[in-house]
Amino acid sequence: MPLRRLSLSASLRPTLLLVLILAFAGHGVQIQGENFLVPIDATMQREDEVRQKAVNMQDVLEHMANAKNPLNLVFLDACRNNPFP
């Protein structure tokens, strides 16, 4: 059995695929058509604080695309609203 694992591992090395997985469950906001993920410790009282304290989802997706990974997966469970009047 160990010999089989060794030869299987050796045969997979040249074609090993890398996968980037992003999983987020929490709060999101949409401000002027842009979507942001809100960190758990972020405190925002005004809309203008969102760009400084939250994470722009488009930036995240661009970074993932630029990484040239063979596969990127995003699991996103977030409401998306603008809590600022």
C-alpha atoms as a PDB file:
ATOM      1  CA  MET A   1       0.000   0.000   0.000  1.00  0.00           C
ATOM      2  CA  PRO A   2       2.665   2.639   0.807  1.00  0.00           C
ATOM      3  CA  LEU A   3       4.290   2.031  -2.579  1.00  0.00           C
ATOM      4  CA  ARG A   4       1.010   2.773  -4.327  1.00  0.00           C
ATOM      5  CA  ARG A   5       0.651   6.093  -2.474  1.00  0.00           C
ATOM      6  CA  LEU A   6       4.205   7.059  -3.327  1.00  0.00           C
ATOM      7  CA  SER A   7       3.799   6.335  -7.037  1.00  0.00           C
ATOM      8  CA  LEU A   8       0.396   8.061  -7.120  1.00  0.00           C
ATOM      9  CA  SER A   9       1.867  11.138  -5.426  1.00  0.00           C
ATOM     10  CA  ALA A  10       4.803  11.175  -7.806  1.00  0.00           C
ATOM     11  CA  SER A  11       2.556  10.875 -10.849  1.00  0.00           C
ATOM     12  CA  LEU A  12       0.336  13.768  -9.710  1.00  0.00           C
ATOM     13  CA  ARG A  13       3.089  16.269  -8.984  1.00  0.00           C
ATOM     14  CA  PRO A  14       3.515  17.622 -12.529  1.00  0.00           C
ATOM     15  CA  THR A  15      -0.239  18.206 -12.952  1.00  0.00           C
ATOM     16  CA  LEU A  16      -1.124  19.295  -9.419  1.00  0.00           C
ATOM     17  CA  LEU A  17      -3.838  21.962  -9.577  1.00  0.00           C
ATOM     18  CA  LEU A  18      -3.958  24.842  -7.141  1.00  0.00           C
ATOM     19  CA  VAL A  19      -7.308  26.048  -5.883  1.00  0.00           C
ATOM     20  CA  LEU A  20      -8.017  29.325  -4.123  1.00  0.00           C
ATOM     21  CA  ILE A  21     -11.104  29.233  -1.933  1.00  0.00           C
ATOM     22  CA  LEU A  22     -12.715  32.286  -0.382  1.00  0.00           C
ATOM     23  CA  ALA A  23     -15.522  31.627   2.097  1.00  0.00           C
ATOM     24  CA  PHE A  24     -17.336  34.536   3.695  1.00  0.00           C
ATOM     25  CA  ALA A  25     -20.460  34.551   5.833  1.00  0.00           C
ATOM     26  CA  GLY A  26     -21.485  37.858   7.261  1.00  0.00           C
ATOM     27  CA  HIS A  27     -22.678  41.294   6.326  1.00  0.00           C
ATOM     28  CA  GLY A  28     -22.241  43.055   3.019  1.00  0.00           C
ATOM     29  CA  VAL A  29     -23.263  46.492   1.818  1.00  0.00           C
ATOM     30  CA  GLN A  30     -23.784  47.983  -1.593  1.00  0.00           C
ATOM     31  CA  ILE A  31     -22.769  51.611  -2.000  1.00  0.00           C
ATOM     32  CA  GLN A  32     -23.243  53.314  -5.380  1.00  0.00           C
ATOM     33  CA  GLY A  33     -23.284  49.960  -7.182  1.00  0.00           C
ATOM     34  CA  GLU A  34     -20.146  48.626  -5.457  1.00  0.00           C
ATOM     35  CA  ASN A  35     -20.321  45.634  -3.108  1.00  0.00           C
ATOM     36  CA  PHE A  36     -18.342  45.491   0.119  1.00  0.00           C
ATOM     37  CA  LEU A  37     -17.771  42.760   2.709  1.00  0.00           C
ATOM     38  CA  VAL A  38     -17.907  44.076   6.251  1.00  0.00           C
ATOM     39  CA  PRO A  39     -15.352  42.675   8.727  1.00  0.00           C
ATOM     40  CA  ILE A  40     -16.786  41.528  12.035  1.00  0.00           C
ATOM     41  CA  ASP A  41     -14.960  44.233  13.984  1.00  0.00           C
ATOM     42  CA  ALA A  42     -15.780  47.132  11.648  1.00  0.00           C
ATOM     43  CA  THR A  43     -17.758  49.989  13.111  1.00  0.00           C
ATOM     44  CA  MET A  44     -19.189  52.347  10.543  1.00  0.00           C
ATOM     45  CA  GLN A  45     -21.559  55.183  11.256  1.00  0.00           C
ATOM     46  CA  ARG A  46     -21.485  56.894   7.865  1.00  0.00           C
ATOM     47  CA  GLU A  47     -21.445  55.781   4.238  1.00  0.00           C
ATOM     48  CA  ASP A  48     -18.089  57.450   3.567  1.00  0.00           C
ATOM     49  CA  GLU A  49     -16.429  55.090   6.077  1.00  0.00           C
ATOM     50  CA  VAL A  50     -17.317  51.974   4.067  1.00  0.00           C
ATOM     51  CA  ARG A  51     -14.462  52.295   1.552  1.00  0.00           C
ATOM     52  CA  GLN A  52     -11.950  52.617   4.411  1.00  0.00           C
ATOM     53  CA  LYS A  53     -13.224  49.903   6.746  1.00  0.00           C
ATOM     54  CA  ALA A  54     -14.884  47.309   4.497  1.00  0.00           C
ATOM     55  CA  VAL A  55     -13.421  45.126   1.746  1.00  0.00           C
ATOM     56  CA  ASN A  56     -14.363  45.892  -1.848  1.00  0.00           C
ATOM     57  CA  MET A  57     -15.561  42.618  -3.372  1.00  0.00           C
ATOM     58  CA  GLN A  58     -14.521  43.663  -6.886  1.00  0.00           C
ATOM     59  CA  ASP A  59     -10.948  44.179  -5.634  1.00  0.00           C
ATOM     60  CA  VAL A  60     -11.008  40.679  -4.133  1.00  0.00           C
ATOM     61  CA  LEU A  61     -12.240  39.138  -7.396  1.00  0.00           C
ATOM     62  CA  GLU A  62      -9.613  41.032  -9.412  1.00  0.00           C
ATOM     63  CA  HIS A  63      -6.823  39.825  -7.105  1.00  0.00           C
ATOM     64  CA  MET A  64      -8.075  36.274  -7.451  1.00  0.00           C
ATOM     65  CA  ALA A  65      -8.174  36.559 -11.252  1.00  0.00           C
ATOM     66  CA  ASN A  66      -4.689  38.099 -11.386  1.00  0.00           C
ATOM     67  CA  ALA A  67      -3.276  35.223  -9.335  1.00  0.00           C
ATOM     68  CA  LYS A  68      -3.761  32.985 -12.418  1.00  0.00           C
ATOM     69  CA  ASN A  69      -4.924  30.046 -10.335  1.00  0.00           C
ATOM     70  CA  PRO A  70      -6.400  27.192 -12.348  1.00  0.00           C
ATOM     71  CA  LEU A  71      -9.496  27.380 -10.157  1.00  0.00           C
ATOM     72  CA  ASN A  72     -10.977  30.048  -7.894  1.00  0.00           C
ATOM     73  CA  LEU A  73     -14.027  29.343  -5.766  1.00  0.00           C
ATOM     74  CA  VAL A  74     -16.066  31.925  -3.851  1.00  0.00           C
ATOM     75  CA  PHE A  75     -18.642  30.903  -1.258  1.00  0.00           C
ATOM     76  CA  LEU A  76     -20.472  34.054  -0.266  1.00  0.00           C
ATOM     77  CA  ASP A  77     -23.296  34.172   2.280  1.00  0.00           C
ATOM     78  CA  ALA A  78     -24.023  37.819   2.948  1.00  0.00           C
ATOM     79  CA  CYS A  79     -26.915  40.211   2.918  1.00  0.00           C
ATOM     80  CA  ARG A  80     -26.297  43.209   0.697  1.00  0.00           C
ATOM     81  CA  ASN A  81     -27.867  46.500   1.522  1.00  0.00           C
ATOM     82  CA  ASN A  82     -27.064  50.110   2.278  1.00  0.00           C
ATOM     83  CA  PRO A  83     -27.859  50.780   5.948  1.00  0.00           C
ATOM     84  CA  PHE A  84     -27.017  54.471   5.546  1.00  0.00           C
ATOM     85  CA  PRO A  85     -29.881  56.792   4.526  1.00  0.00           C
END
